[in-house]
């Protein structure tokens, strides 16, 4: 089973979780970088507003071809109670994703809000099947229990 993990991270929390998953499953890891031309503070404020409006942004890489993978995993921090514009843009630009199962996770410091529903909408709009979605509070990213639960969630999606 070939797995591709596509994630966006600003503070490093989502990256940490994605790297843990990647080592647990020996999968391909693709970091999506938001290349919007703003200073860090202004970028965050503008991007939170964009996240609420489910808008797109400029990213690198511009697209990812997942045609050679059996399962796609998406990771995003929660901004304004939704996934980031960068991961939204990555999902929209995905190549070779039709009919593939997907898992999504988010990292957050407060509450995930509408993150699960938003991931589901975006993933299904691209023709993928959402097998599972979960949220991880930033205080739990080092938790062995959380890492086991997330790995079990991905494992269960492999069997879908």
N, C-alpha and C. Protein backbone atom coordinates (compact mmCIF):
# COMPACT_ATOMS: atom_id res chain seq x y z
N UNK A 1 0.85 -1.18 0.00
CA UNK A 1 0.00 0.00 0.00
C UNK A 1 0.89 1.24 0.00
N UNK A 2 0.75 2.05 -1.03
CA UNK A 2 1.55 3.28 -1.14
C UNK A 2 0.73 4.46 -0.63
N UNK A 3 1.34 5.21 0.31
CA UNK A 3 0.66 6.33 0.95
C UNK A 3 1.41 7.63 0.65
N UNK A 4 0.65 8.68 0.33
CA UNK A 4 1.21 10.01 0.15
C UNK A 4 0.60 10.93 1.20
N UNK A 5 1.45 11.58 2.00
CA UNK A 5 1.00 12.50 3.03
C UNK A 5 1.29 13.92 2.55
N UNK A 6 0.24 14.71 2.40
CA UNK A 6 0.36 16.09 1.91
C UNK A 6 -0.09 16.99 3.05
N UNK A 7 0.78 17.93 3.45
CA UNK A 7 0.44 18.75 4.60
C UNK A 7 0.94 20.18 4.44
N UNK A 8 0.33 21.08 5.20
CA UNK A 8 0.78 22.46 5.32
C UNK A 8 1.00 22.72 6.80
N UNK A 9 2.10 23.36 7.13
CA UNK A 9 2.41 23.66 8.52
C UNK A 9 3.10 25.02 8.60
N UNK A 10 2.71 25.82 9.56
CA UNK A 10 3.38 27.11 9.80
C UNK A 10 4.20 27.06 11.08
N UNK A 11 3.61 26.55 12.17
CA UNK A 11 4.30 26.54 13.46
C UNK A 11 5.15 25.29 13.66
N UNK A 12 4.92 24.26 12.85
CA UNK A 12 5.66 23.01 12.98
C UNK A 12 4.85 21.88 13.58
N UNK A 13 3.69 22.16 14.19
CA UNK A 13 2.89 21.10 14.81
C UNK A 13 2.38 20.10 13.78
N UNK A 14 1.81 20.59 12.69
CA UNK A 14 1.29 19.69 11.66
C UNK A 14 2.43 18.93 11.00
N UNK A 15 3.56 19.58 10.79
CA UNK A 15 4.75 18.93 10.22
C UNK A 15 5.18 17.77 11.11
N UNK A 16 5.21 18.01 12.42
CA UNK A 16 5.63 16.98 13.38
C UNK A 16 4.74 15.74 13.26
N UNK A 17 3.44 15.95 13.22
CA UNK A 17 2.50 14.84 13.12
C UNK A 17 2.68 14.12 11.77
N UNK A 18 2.81 14.89 10.69
CA UNK A 18 2.99 14.30 9.35
C UNK A 18 4.27 13.47 9.29
N UNK A 19 5.35 13.97 9.88
CA UNK A 19 6.61 13.23 9.88
C UNK A 19 6.49 11.95 10.68
N UNK A 20 5.78 11.99 11.80
CA UNK A 20 5.57 10.78 12.59
C UNK A 20 4.81 9.73 11.75
N UNK A 21 3.75 10.16 11.10
CA UNK A 21 2.98 9.25 10.25
C UNK A 21 3.84 8.68 9.13
N UNK A 22 4.62 9.55 8.52
CA UNK A 22 5.46 9.11 7.40
C UNK A 22 6.44 8.03 7.83
N UNK A 23 7.04 8.19 9.01
CA UNK A 23 7.99 7.17 9.48
C UNK A 23 7.26 5.89 9.87
N UNK A 24 6.04 6.00 10.36
CA UNK A 24 5.28 4.81 10.75
C UNK A 24 4.85 3.99 9.54
N UNK A 25 4.64 4.64 8.40
CA UNK A 25 4.13 3.96 7.22
C UNK A 25 5.09 3.98 6.03
N UNK A 26 6.27 4.54 6.19
CA UNK A 26 7.25 4.62 5.10
C UNK A 26 6.58 5.17 3.83
N UNK A 27 6.00 6.35 3.96
CA UNK A 27 5.24 6.96 2.88
C UNK A 27 5.95 8.18 2.31
N UNK A 28 5.41 8.70 1.22
CA UNK A 28 5.94 9.93 0.63
C UNK A 28 5.36 11.10 1.41
N UNK A 29 6.21 12.08 1.70
CA UNK A 29 5.82 13.24 2.47
C UNK A 29 5.97 14.48 1.59
N UNK A 30 4.89 15.25 1.42
CA UNK A 30 4.91 16.45 0.58
C UNK A 30 4.46 17.64 1.43
N UNK A 31 5.38 18.57 1.66
CA UNK A 31 5.02 19.79 2.39
C UNK A 31 4.57 20.85 1.40
N UNK A 32 3.42 21.45 1.68
CA UNK A 32 2.87 22.52 0.86
C UNK A 32 3.26 23.84 1.52
N UNK A 33 3.88 24.70 0.75
CA UNK A 33 4.29 26.00 1.27
C UNK A 33 3.43 27.10 0.67
N UNK A 34 2.92 27.96 1.53
CA UNK A 34 2.15 29.12 1.11
C UNK A 34 3.16 30.20 0.73
N UNK A 35 3.11 30.65 -0.49
CA UNK A 35 4.09 31.64 -0.96
C UNK A 35 3.46 33.01 -1.20
N UNK A 36 2.36 33.29 -0.50
CA UNK A 36 1.72 34.60 -0.60
C UNK A 36 2.73 35.67 -0.16
N UNK A 37 2.76 36.80 -0.86
CA UNK A 37 3.78 37.82 -0.60
C UNK A 37 3.43 38.78 0.54
N UNK A 38 3.27 38.26 1.76
CA UNK A 38 2.96 39.08 2.91
C UNK A 38 4.00 38.86 4.00
N UNK A 39 4.10 39.83 4.92
CA UNK A 39 4.94 39.61 6.10
C UNK A 39 4.25 38.54 6.95
N UNK A 40 4.97 37.94 7.87
CA UNK A 40 4.43 36.82 8.64
C UNK A 40 3.14 37.19 9.39
N UNK A 41 3.10 38.35 10.07
CA UNK A 41 1.92 38.75 10.82
C UNK A 41 0.75 39.05 9.89
N UNK A 42 0.99 39.84 8.87
CA UNK A 42 -0.07 40.20 7.93
C UNK A 42 -0.56 38.95 7.20
N UNK A 43 0.37 38.07 6.84
CA UNK A 43 0.02 36.84 6.14
C UNK A 43 -0.97 36.02 6.97
N UNK A 44 -0.69 35.86 8.27
CA UNK A 44 -1.56 35.08 9.12
C UNK A 44 -2.96 35.70 9.20
N UNK A 45 -3.02 37.00 9.40
CA UNK A 45 -4.32 37.67 9.50
C UNK A 45 -5.12 37.56 8.21
N UNK A 46 -4.46 37.82 7.08
CA UNK A 46 -5.13 37.72 5.78
C UNK A 46 -5.55 36.28 5.51
N UNK A 47 -4.66 35.33 5.80
CA UNK A 47 -4.95 33.93 5.52
C UNK A 47 -6.06 33.38 6.42
N UNK A 48 -6.20 33.88 7.65
CA UNK A 48 -7.32 33.47 8.51
C UNK A 48 -8.64 33.90 7.87
N UNK A 49 -8.67 35.12 7.36
CA UNK A 49 -9.88 35.59 6.68
C UNK A 49 -10.14 34.74 5.43
N UNK A 50 -9.08 34.41 4.71
CA UNK A 50 -9.22 33.56 3.52
C UNK A 50 -9.69 32.16 3.90
N UNK A 51 -9.20 31.63 5.03
CA UNK A 51 -9.63 30.31 5.50
C UNK A 51 -11.12 30.31 5.79
N UNK A 52 -11.61 31.34 6.46
CA UNK A 52 -13.06 31.43 6.75
C UNK A 52 -13.87 31.44 5.47
N UNK A 53 -13.35 32.11 4.43
CA UNK A 53 -14.05 32.19 3.15
C UNK A 53 -13.75 31.03 2.21
N UNK A 54 -12.92 30.08 2.69
CA UNK A 54 -12.52 28.91 1.89
C UNK A 54 -11.91 29.32 0.55
N UNK A 55 -11.07 30.34 0.60
CA UNK A 55 -10.40 30.84 -0.60
C UNK A 55 -9.10 30.08 -0.84
N UNK A 56 -8.55 30.28 -2.03
CA UNK A 56 -7.30 29.65 -2.43
C UNK A 56 -6.16 30.65 -2.32
N UNK A 57 -4.93 30.14 -2.35
CA UNK A 57 -3.74 30.99 -2.28
C UNK A 57 -2.68 30.43 -3.24
N UNK A 58 -1.56 31.08 -3.33
CA UNK A 58 -0.46 30.60 -4.17
C UNK A 58 0.42 29.67 -3.33
N UNK A 59 0.69 28.47 -3.88
CA UNK A 59 1.46 27.47 -3.13
C UNK A 59 2.59 26.89 -3.98
N UNK A 60 3.53 26.27 -3.29
CA UNK A 60 4.57 25.45 -3.92
C UNK A 60 4.64 24.15 -3.13
N UNK A 61 4.67 23.02 -3.79
CA UNK A 61 4.49 22.86 -5.22
C UNK A 61 3.05 23.22 -5.64
N UNK A 62 2.91 23.66 -6.89
CA UNK A 62 1.61 24.09 -7.38
C UNK A 62 0.62 22.93 -7.48
N UNK A 63 1.11 21.72 -7.75
CA UNK A 63 0.24 20.55 -7.80
C UNK A 63 1.04 19.31 -7.43
N UNK A 64 0.32 18.29 -7.01
CA UNK A 64 0.93 17.02 -6.63
C UNK A 64 0.19 15.92 -7.40
N UNK A 65 0.95 15.05 -8.04
CA UNK A 65 0.37 13.91 -8.76
C UNK A 65 0.37 12.71 -7.82
N UNK A 66 -0.82 12.24 -7.48
CA UNK A 66 -0.95 11.11 -6.55
C UNK A 66 -1.42 9.84 -7.25
N UNK A 67 -1.31 9.83 -8.56
CA UNK A 67 -1.82 8.68 -9.32
C UNK A 67 -1.13 7.37 -8.94
N UNK A 68 0.08 7.42 -8.44
CA UNK A 68 0.80 6.20 -8.06
C UNK A 68 0.59 5.78 -6.62
N UNK A 69 -0.35 6.41 -5.93
CA UNK A 69 -0.57 6.11 -4.51
C UNK A 69 -1.95 5.52 -4.28
N UNK A 70 -2.04 4.70 -3.24
CA UNK A 70 -3.30 4.03 -2.90
C UNK A 70 -4.12 4.79 -1.87
N UNK A 71 -3.46 5.58 -1.04
CA UNK A 71 -4.12 6.34 0.01
C UNK A 71 -3.47 7.71 0.10
N UNK A 72 -4.31 8.75 0.26
CA UNK A 72 -3.82 10.12 0.40
C UNK A 72 -4.18 10.59 1.80
N UNK A 73 -3.20 11.18 2.50
CA UNK A 73 -3.42 11.74 3.83
C UNK A 73 -3.16 13.24 3.74
N UNK A 74 -4.08 14.04 4.27
CA UNK A 74 -3.94 15.49 4.28
C UNK A 74 -3.81 15.97 5.71
N UNK A 75 -2.93 16.95 5.93
CA UNK A 75 -2.77 17.54 7.26
C UNK A 75 -2.75 19.05 7.16
N UNK A 76 -3.40 19.70 8.11
CA UNK A 76 -3.48 21.16 8.12
C UNK A 76 -3.65 21.69 9.53
N UNK A 77 -3.06 22.85 9.82
CA UNK A 77 -3.45 23.52 11.05
C UNK A 77 -4.87 24.08 10.88
N UNK A 78 -5.47 24.43 11.99
CA UNK A 78 -6.79 25.06 11.95
C UNK A 78 -6.59 26.57 12.07
N UNK A 79 -7.11 27.28 11.08
CA UNK A 79 -7.08 28.74 11.09
C UNK A 79 -8.53 29.21 10.99
N UNK A 80 -8.97 29.99 11.96
CA UNK A 80 -10.34 30.52 11.95
C UNK A 80 -11.36 29.39 11.81
N UNK A 81 -11.09 28.28 12.49
CA UNK A 81 -11.97 27.12 12.56
C UNK A 81 -12.09 26.32 11.27
N UNK A 82 -11.13 26.47 10.36
CA UNK A 82 -11.15 25.72 9.10
C UNK A 82 -9.71 25.37 8.71
N UNK A 83 -9.54 24.41 7.76
CA UNK A 83 -8.19 24.14 7.25
C UNK A 83 -7.65 25.36 6.50
N UNK A 84 -6.36 25.40 6.31
CA UNK A 84 -5.73 26.58 5.70
C UNK A 84 -5.99 26.69 4.20
N UNK A 85 -5.90 27.91 3.67
CA UNK A 85 -6.01 28.10 2.22
C UNK A 85 -4.96 27.29 1.45
N UNK A 86 -3.78 27.09 2.02
CA UNK A 86 -2.72 26.34 1.33
C UNK A 86 -3.13 24.89 1.10
N UNK A 87 -3.69 24.23 2.11
CA UNK A 87 -4.08 22.83 1.92
C UNK A 87 -5.31 22.75 1.02
N UNK A 88 -6.17 23.75 1.07
CA UNK A 88 -7.32 23.81 0.17
C UNK A 88 -6.83 23.88 -1.27
N UNK A 89 -5.87 24.75 -1.53
CA UNK A 89 -5.31 24.90 -2.87
C UNK A 89 -4.64 23.61 -3.33
N UNK A 90 -3.96 22.93 -2.41
CA UNK A 90 -3.30 21.65 -2.75
C UNK A 90 -4.34 20.61 -3.16
N UNK A 91 -5.45 20.54 -2.43
CA UNK A 91 -6.50 19.57 -2.75
C UNK A 91 -7.11 19.89 -4.11
N UNK A 92 -7.37 21.16 -4.37
CA UNK A 92 -7.95 21.57 -5.65
C UNK A 92 -7.02 21.22 -6.81
N UNK A 93 -5.72 21.37 -6.62
CA UNK A 93 -4.74 21.13 -7.69
C UNK A 93 -4.24 19.71 -7.80
N UNK A 94 -4.74 18.81 -6.99
CA UNK A 94 -4.29 17.42 -7.00
C UNK A 94 -4.53 16.75 -8.35
N UNK A 95 -3.58 15.94 -8.78
CA UNK A 95 -3.72 15.18 -10.02
C UNK A 95 -3.78 13.69 -9.69
N UNK A 96 -4.64 12.95 -10.41
CA UNK A 96 -4.71 11.50 -10.24
C UNK A 96 -5.36 11.04 -8.96
N UNK A 97 -6.30 11.82 -8.42
CA UNK A 97 -6.89 11.49 -7.12
C UNK A 97 -8.27 10.83 -7.19
N UNK A 98 -8.88 10.82 -8.34
CA UNK A 98 -10.26 10.33 -8.48
C UNK A 98 -10.43 8.92 -7.93
N UNK A 99 -11.40 8.76 -7.01
CA UNK A 99 -11.75 7.46 -6.47
C UNK A 99 -10.86 6.95 -5.36
N UNK A 100 -9.82 7.68 -5.00
CA UNK A 100 -8.88 7.21 -3.97
C UNK A 100 -9.41 7.51 -2.57
N UNK A 101 -9.11 6.63 -1.62
CA UNK A 101 -9.47 6.93 -0.24
C UNK A 101 -8.53 8.00 0.33
N UNK A 102 -9.07 8.80 1.25
CA UNK A 102 -8.29 9.86 1.87
C UNK A 102 -8.56 9.91 3.37
N UNK A 103 -7.55 10.34 4.10
CA UNK A 103 -7.64 10.59 5.53
C UNK A 103 -7.20 12.03 5.73
N UNK A 104 -7.84 12.74 6.64
CA UNK A 104 -7.45 14.12 6.94
C UNK A 104 -7.26 14.29 8.44
N UNK A 105 -6.25 15.07 8.81
CA UNK A 105 -6.06 15.42 10.22
C UNK A 105 -5.75 16.91 10.32
N UNK A 106 -6.13 17.48 11.44
CA UNK A 106 -5.81 18.88 11.70
C UNK A 106 -5.16 18.99 13.06
N UNK A 107 -4.35 20.02 13.22
CA UNK A 107 -3.76 20.35 14.51
C UNK A 107 -4.30 21.71 14.92
N UNK A 108 -4.54 21.87 16.21
CA UNK A 108 -5.14 23.12 16.67
C UNK A 108 -4.75 23.41 18.11
N UNK A 109 -4.85 24.67 18.48
CA UNK A 109 -4.59 25.08 19.85
C UNK A 109 -5.85 25.31 20.64
N UNK A 110 -6.97 25.40 19.95
CA UNK A 110 -8.24 25.66 20.61
C UNK A 110 -9.27 24.62 20.23
N UNK A 111 -10.11 25.00 19.29
CA UNK A 111 -11.15 24.08 18.82
C UNK A 111 -11.06 23.94 17.30
N UNK A 112 -11.41 22.77 16.77
CA UNK A 112 -11.31 22.58 15.33
C UNK A 112 -12.45 23.22 14.54
N UNK A 113 -13.54 23.61 15.20
CA UNK A 113 -14.64 24.27 14.49
C UNK A 113 -15.21 23.42 13.37
N UNK A 114 -15.26 23.97 12.16
CA UNK A 114 -15.82 23.28 11.00
C UNK A 114 -14.76 22.56 10.16
N UNK A 115 -13.61 22.30 10.73
CA UNK A 115 -12.51 21.70 9.97
C UNK A 115 -12.89 20.35 9.37
N UNK A 116 -13.50 19.46 10.14
CA UNK A 116 -13.86 18.13 9.63
C UNK A 116 -14.82 18.22 8.44
N UNK A 117 -15.86 19.03 8.61
CA UNK A 117 -16.85 19.18 7.54
C UNK A 117 -16.24 19.80 6.29
N UNK A 118 -15.35 20.75 6.50
CA UNK A 118 -14.71 21.44 5.37
C UNK A 118 -13.80 20.48 4.63
N UNK A 119 -12.98 19.71 5.35
CA UNK A 119 -12.13 18.71 4.70
C UNK A 119 -13.00 17.75 3.88
N UNK A 120 -14.07 17.26 4.48
CA UNK A 120 -14.96 16.32 3.79
C UNK A 120 -15.48 16.91 2.48
N UNK A 121 -15.94 18.14 2.53
CA UNK A 121 -16.48 18.80 1.34
C UNK A 121 -15.41 18.92 0.25
N UNK A 122 -14.22 19.38 0.60
CA UNK A 122 -13.15 19.57 -0.38
C UNK A 122 -12.69 18.24 -0.98
N UNK A 123 -12.51 17.24 -0.13
CA UNK A 123 -12.02 15.93 -0.58
C UNK A 123 -13.04 15.26 -1.50
N UNK A 124 -14.28 15.27 -1.10
CA UNK A 124 -15.32 14.65 -1.93
C UNK A 124 -15.57 15.42 -3.22
N UNK A 125 -15.38 16.73 -3.21
CA UNK A 125 -15.53 17.53 -4.43
C UNK A 125 -14.49 17.14 -5.49
N UNK A 126 -13.37 16.58 -5.06
CA UNK A 126 -12.30 16.14 -5.98
C UNK A 126 -12.44 14.67 -6.36
N UNK A 127 -13.52 14.03 -5.92
CA UNK A 127 -13.77 12.65 -6.31
C UNK A 127 -13.10 11.61 -5.44
N UNK A 128 -12.54 12.02 -4.31
CA UNK A 128 -11.95 11.07 -3.38
C UNK A 128 -13.00 10.63 -2.37
N UNK A 129 -12.70 9.56 -1.65
CA UNK A 129 -13.59 9.05 -0.61
C UNK A 129 -12.93 9.32 0.73
N UNK A 130 -13.58 10.11 1.58
CA UNK A 130 -13.02 10.39 2.90
C UNK A 130 -13.23 9.18 3.79
N UNK A 131 -12.14 8.51 4.14
CA UNK A 131 -12.20 7.32 4.98
C UNK A 131 -12.21 7.67 6.46
N UNK A 132 -11.52 8.78 6.83
CA UNK A 132 -11.46 9.18 8.23
C UNK A 132 -10.95 10.61 8.34
N UNK A 133 -11.35 11.27 9.42
CA UNK A 133 -10.87 12.62 9.71
C UNK A 133 -10.74 12.73 11.22
N UNK A 134 -9.70 13.43 11.68
CA UNK A 134 -9.48 13.59 13.11
C UNK A 134 -8.80 14.92 13.39
N UNK A 135 -8.81 15.32 14.66
CA UNK A 135 -8.21 16.57 15.12
C UNK A 135 -7.26 16.28 16.26
N UNK A 136 -6.17 17.02 16.31
CA UNK A 136 -5.16 16.81 17.35
C UNK A 136 -4.85 18.15 18.00
N UNK A 137 -5.08 18.25 19.30
CA UNK A 137 -4.74 19.46 20.02
C UNK A 137 -3.23 19.55 20.13
N UNK A 138 -2.70 20.76 20.06
CA UNK A 138 -1.24 20.94 20.07
C UNK A 138 -0.59 20.35 21.32
N UNK A 139 -1.32 20.28 22.43
CA UNK A 139 -0.74 19.70 23.65
C UNK A 139 -0.58 18.18 23.54
N UNK A 140 -1.22 17.58 22.54
CA UNK A 140 -1.17 16.12 22.39
C UNK A 140 -0.26 15.63 21.27
N UNK A 141 0.43 16.54 20.56
CA UNK A 141 1.20 16.07 19.40
C UNK A 141 2.37 15.17 19.77
N UNK A 142 2.83 15.24 21.01
CA UNK A 142 3.90 14.35 21.46
C UNK A 142 3.36 13.10 22.15
N UNK A 143 2.06 13.01 22.30
CA UNK A 143 1.44 11.91 23.04
C UNK A 143 1.57 10.59 22.28
N UNK A 144 2.10 9.59 22.96
CA UNK A 144 2.22 8.26 22.36
C UNK A 144 0.84 7.68 22.06
N UNK A 145 -0.12 7.95 22.95
CA UNK A 145 -1.49 7.47 22.75
C UNK A 145 -2.08 8.09 21.47
N UNK A 146 -1.91 9.38 21.28
CA UNK A 146 -2.43 10.05 20.09
C UNK A 146 -1.76 9.50 18.83
N UNK A 147 -0.45 9.30 18.88
CA UNK A 147 0.26 8.76 17.72
C UNK A 147 -0.24 7.37 17.35
N UNK A 148 -0.51 6.54 18.36
CA UNK A 148 -1.05 5.20 18.10
C UNK A 148 -2.45 5.28 17.50
N UNK A 149 -3.27 6.18 18.04
CA UNK A 149 -4.64 6.34 17.53
C UNK A 149 -4.64 6.82 16.08
N UNK A 150 -3.78 7.77 15.76
CA UNK A 150 -3.69 8.28 14.40
C UNK A 150 -3.18 7.20 13.44
N UNK A 151 -2.18 6.46 13.87
CA UNK A 151 -1.67 5.37 13.03
C UNK A 151 -2.75 4.31 12.81
N UNK A 152 -3.54 4.01 13.85
CA UNK A 152 -4.62 3.05 13.71
C UNK A 152 -5.69 3.56 12.75
N UNK A 153 -5.96 4.86 12.79
CA UNK A 153 -6.93 5.46 11.88
C UNK A 153 -6.47 5.32 10.43
N UNK A 154 -5.20 5.59 10.18
CA UNK A 154 -4.66 5.44 8.82
C UNK A 154 -4.67 3.97 8.41
N UNK A 155 -4.30 3.08 9.33
CA UNK A 155 -4.33 1.64 9.03
C UNK A 155 -5.73 1.17 8.65
N UNK A 156 -6.73 1.68 9.36
CA UNK A 156 -8.11 1.27 9.07
C UNK A 156 -8.54 1.79 7.69
N UNK A 157 -8.02 2.92 7.28
CA UNK A 157 -8.35 3.49 5.97
C UNK A 157 -7.71 2.67 4.84
N UNK A 158 -6.59 2.04 5.13
CA UNK A 158 -5.91 1.21 4.14
C UNK A 158 -6.80 0.03 3.75
N UNK A 159 -7.58 -0.45 4.70
CA UNK A 159 -8.44 -1.60 4.47
C UNK A 159 -9.74 -1.25 3.74
N UNK A 160 -10.01 0.07 3.57
CA UNK A 160 -11.25 0.51 2.91
C UNK A 160 -11.24 0.14 1.46
